[in-house]
Amino acid sequence: MVYLYLKDLLLGKTKYISRMKIKKLKFILLSFFLTLPVMADEVKLNDKNTEFNFYTGMFDFSDDGKRSSLFGIQHQNENFNRDTFLGNLSPITGAMLTADNASYFYTGIQAHYKLGALNLTPSFAPGYYNEGDGKDLGHALEFKSEVQLSLDLPKESQLGFSYNHLSNASLGDKNPGANSYMLNFFKKF
């Protein structure tokens, strides 16, 4: 049998370990580390801490000349929720695109208030607006103020309605703003 030489640093003593024992130790350590990702994935699957909001509606419904349909998606990671005196606050990130190729990419904060099966969710998010062939809002930096009302559905989902207003807070030469309404579908993953 072949022996390997190891020096125990803590005791300052010399030890001999057989090659067979090292192979067993490698097998045990390898088995342990290979099962770690499986155990971690099981935790992630049961956690359901990510919520996506898919929405569609009418961009700038109050302006007959630049009214346009829109589609958007918003992400919320519930790991970052915080209960405060203002309610349950969490960060949001999202994007929307209109039929006129106007786009808005944003990140901000929302509050969540549970009223039985109903949910009231106001939010505020600054973001980048590109007018495309759509309405000129006067500046690339726009601020979105929104309120959502949604109903809890089975299987970690919700159906809701929301209204928002985009404004540049007079940062540009003009500030026409845009009012939009949307139908929302929320799903936790």
Protein backbone atom coordinates (compact mmCIF):
# COMPACT_ATOMS: atom_id res chain seq x y z
CA MET A 1 0.00 0.00 0.00
CA VAL A 2 1.27 3.43 -0.91
CA TYR A 3 1.42 6.00 1.87
CA LEU A 4 1.30 9.77 1.56
CA TYR A 5 3.04 12.16 3.87
CA LEU A 6 1.08 14.99 5.59
CA LYS A 7 2.18 17.33 8.29
CA ASP A 8 -0.41 18.39 10.83
CA LEU A 9 0.16 22.14 11.29
CA LEU A 10 -1.81 22.42 14.50
CA LEU A 11 -0.01 19.70 16.43
CA GLY A 12 3.28 19.85 14.61
CA LYS A 13 3.18 16.07 14.21
CA THR A 14 3.73 13.96 11.16
CA LYS A 15 0.85 11.69 10.00
CA TYR A 16 0.61 9.06 7.32
CA ILE A 17 -2.70 8.58 5.47
CA SER A 18 -3.31 5.77 3.01
CA ARG A 19 -4.27 6.52 -0.60
CA MET A 20 -7.55 4.61 -0.03
CA LYS A 21 -8.56 6.93 2.82
CA ILE A 22 -7.82 9.98 0.65
CA LYS A 23 -10.01 8.56 -2.14
CA LYS A 24 -12.86 8.00 0.34
CA LEU A 25 -12.46 11.53 1.69
CA LYS A 26 -12.48 12.97 -1.87
CA PHE A 27 -15.62 10.97 -2.68
CA ILE A 28 -17.44 12.19 0.45
CA LEU A 29 -16.45 15.84 -0.14
CA LEU A 30 -17.35 15.65 -3.83
CA SER A 31 -20.75 14.12 -3.01
CA PHE A 32 -21.42 16.83 -0.46
CA PHE A 33 -20.52 19.70 -2.80
CA LEU A 34 -22.46 18.23 -5.71
CA THR A 35 -25.66 18.09 -3.64
CA LEU A 36 -25.37 21.71 -2.44
CA PRO A 37 -26.72 23.24 -5.70
CA VAL A 38 -29.64 20.81 -5.66
CA MET A 39 -30.55 21.80 -2.11
CA ALA A 40 -30.16 25.50 -2.95
CA ASP A 41 -32.43 25.17 -6.02
CA GLU A 42 -35.12 23.54 -3.91
CA VAL A 43 -35.07 26.51 -1.55
CA LYS A 44 -35.32 28.95 -4.47
CA LEU A 45 -38.26 27.10 -6.00
CA ASN A 46 -40.26 27.24 -2.78
CA ASP A 47 -39.30 30.84 -1.97
CA LYS A 48 -41.31 32.66 -4.72
CA ASN A 49 -39.75 36.01 -3.89
CA THR A 50 -39.87 37.53 -7.38
CA GLU A 51 -43.00 39.18 -8.74
CA PHE A 52 -43.52 40.20 -12.35
CA ASN A 53 -46.23 42.62 -13.43
CA PHE A 54 -47.27 42.33 -17.10
CA TYR A 55 -49.43 45.23 -18.22
CA THR A 56 -51.10 46.66 -21.28
CA GLY A 57 -53.22 49.75 -21.78
CA MET A 58 -53.47 53.21 -23.30
CA PHE A 59 -50.55 55.67 -23.20
CA ASP A 60 -51.57 59.33 -22.91
CA PHE A 61 -55.30 58.66 -23.22
CA SER A 62 -56.07 62.34 -22.56
CA ASP A 63 -54.29 63.53 -25.76
CA ASP A 64 -56.26 62.55 -28.88
CA GLY A 65 -53.32 63.32 -31.17
CA LYS A 66 -50.67 61.17 -29.43
CA ARG A 67 -52.78 58.45 -27.81
CA SER A 68 -51.14 55.03 -28.24
CA SER A 69 -51.44 51.49 -26.93
CA LEU A 70 -48.68 50.26 -24.64
CA PHE A 71 -47.20 47.08 -23.21
CA GLY A 72 -44.88 46.80 -20.23
CA ILE A 73 -43.25 44.58 -17.67
CA GLN A 74 -42.21 45.40 -14.11
CA HIS A 75 -40.09 43.40 -11.66
CA GLN A 76 -40.22 43.41 -7.89
CA ASN A 77 -37.93 41.33 -5.68
CA GLU A 78 -39.62 40.77 -2.33
CA ASN A 79 -36.28 40.07 -0.63
CA PHE A 80 -35.83 43.83 -0.51
CA ASN A 81 -39.23 44.62 1.06
CA ARG A 82 -39.10 46.75 4.18
CA ASP A 83 -41.91 47.42 6.64
CA THR A 84 -41.83 51.12 7.54
CA PHE A 85 -44.17 53.70 8.99
CA LEU A 86 -45.22 54.39 5.36
CA GLY A 87 -46.20 50.75 4.79
CA ASN A 88 -44.43 47.89 3.07
CA LEU A 89 -41.88 49.46 0.68
CA SER A 90 -39.99 47.69 -2.09
CA PRO A 91 -37.89 48.61 -5.14
CA ILE A 92 -39.29 48.18 -8.65
CA THR A 93 -37.69 48.12 -12.08
CA GLY A 94 -39.50 48.05 -15.38
CA ALA A 95 -39.93 49.06 -18.99
CA MET A 96 -42.80 49.96 -21.29
CA LEU A 97 -43.09 50.34 -25.03
CA THR A 98 -45.86 52.08 -26.97
CA ALA A 99 -47.20 51.28 -30.44
CA ASP A 100 -45.45 54.49 -31.61
CA ASN A 101 -42.07 53.10 -30.45
CA ALA A 102 -41.82 55.42 -27.47
CA SER A 103 -40.08 53.66 -24.58
CA TYR A 104 -39.65 54.26 -20.88
CA PHE A 105 -37.15 52.44 -18.64
CA TYR A 106 -37.49 53.08 -14.93
CA THR A 107 -36.52 52.10 -11.42
CA GLY A 108 -38.13 53.35 -8.24
CA ILE A 109 -40.08 52.44 -5.14
CA GLN A 110 -43.58 51.26 -4.36
CA ALA A 111 -45.67 50.93 -1.21
CA HIS A 112 -48.04 48.00 -0.71
CA TYR A 113 -51.24 48.16 1.35
CA LYS A 114 -53.32 44.99 1.75
CA LEU A 115 -57.07 45.55 2.18
CA GLY A 116 -58.45 42.02 2.47
CA ALA A 117 -58.34 40.51 -1.03
CA LEU A 118 -57.64 43.97 -2.51
CA ASN A 119 -54.20 45.55 -2.82
CA LEU A 120 -53.52 49.28 -3.11
CA THR A 121 -50.06 50.03 -4.51
CA PRO A 122 -48.84 53.59 -5.11
CA SER A 123 -45.38 54.00 -6.67
CA PHE A 124 -42.86 56.58 -7.81
CA ALA A 125 -40.13 55.90 -10.37
CA PRO A 126 -37.73 58.17 -12.27
CA GLY A 127 -36.61 56.85 -15.63
CA TYR A 128 -35.33 57.35 -19.15
CA TYR A 129 -37.92 58.24 -21.82
CA ASN A 130 -37.32 57.99 -25.58
CA GLU A 131 -40.14 59.45 -27.67
CA GLY A 132 -39.55 57.28 -30.77
CA ASP A 133 -42.41 58.26 -33.12
CA GLY A 134 -44.61 59.09 -30.13
CA LYS A 135 -45.21 62.11 -27.93
CA ASP A 136 -42.38 64.52 -27.10
CA LEU A 137 -42.49 64.86 -23.30
CA GLY A 138 -39.81 67.58 -23.25
CA HIS A 139 -36.93 65.75 -21.55
CA ALA A 140 -35.23 62.35 -21.40
CA LEU A 141 -35.63 62.21 -17.59
CA GLU A 142 -39.27 61.58 -16.69
CA PHE A 143 -40.92 60.78 -13.35
CA LYS A 144 -43.73 58.22 -13.14
CA SER A 145 -46.33 58.48 -10.38
CA GLU A 146 -48.71 55.54 -10.33
CA VAL A 147 -51.50 53.97 -8.31
CA GLN A 148 -52.64 50.35 -8.74
CA LEU A 149 -55.66 48.52 -7.40
CA SER A 150 -55.49 44.74 -7.70
CA LEU A 151 -57.38 41.65 -6.58
CA ASP A 152 -55.69 38.51 -5.22
CA LEU A 153 -56.18 35.43 -7.41
CA PRO A 154 -55.24 31.80 -6.75
CA LYS A 155 -51.74 30.46 -7.49
CA GLU A 156 -49.73 33.51 -6.32
CA SER A 157 -51.21 35.93 -8.88
CA GLN A 158 -53.25 39.14 -9.02
CA LEU A 159 -55.34 41.02 -11.57
CA GLY A 160 -55.51 44.80 -11.39
CA PHE A 161 -55.99 48.22 -12.90
CA SER A 162 -53.54 51.11 -12.70
CA TYR A 163 -53.25 54.78 -13.62
CA ASN A 164 -50.00 56.69 -14.01
CA HIS A 165 -48.73 60.13 -14.93
CA LEU A 166 -45.35 60.83 -16.57
CA SER A 167 -43.83 64.27 -16.07
CA ASN A 168 -40.38 65.83 -16.35
CA ALA A 169 -41.06 68.19 -13.41
CA SER A 170 -40.33 71.17 -15.73
CA LEU A 171 -36.73 70.08 -16.35
CA GLY A 172 -37.21 70.58 -20.10
CA ASP A 173 -38.40 73.52 -22.21
CA LYS A 174 -41.88 72.04 -22.12
CA ASN A 175 -43.70 69.67 -19.78
CA PRO A 176 -46.86 68.28 -21.44
CA GLY A 177 -46.95 65.10 -19.33
CA ALA A 178 -48.78 61.91 -20.22
CA ASN A 179 -51.64 60.10 -18.48
CA SER A 180 -52.00 56.35 -18.96
CA TYR A 181 -54.20 53.53 -17.74
CA MET A 182 -53.35 49.83 -17.76
CA LEU A 183 -54.71 46.37 -17.04
CA ASN A 184 -52.18 44.47 -14.90
CA PHE A 185 -51.48 40.79 -14.32
CA PHE A 186 -49.08 39.97 -11.45
CA LYS A 187 -47.39 36.60 -10.95
CA LYS A 188 -44.91 35.46 -8.29
CA PHE A 189 -42.11 33.12 -9.31
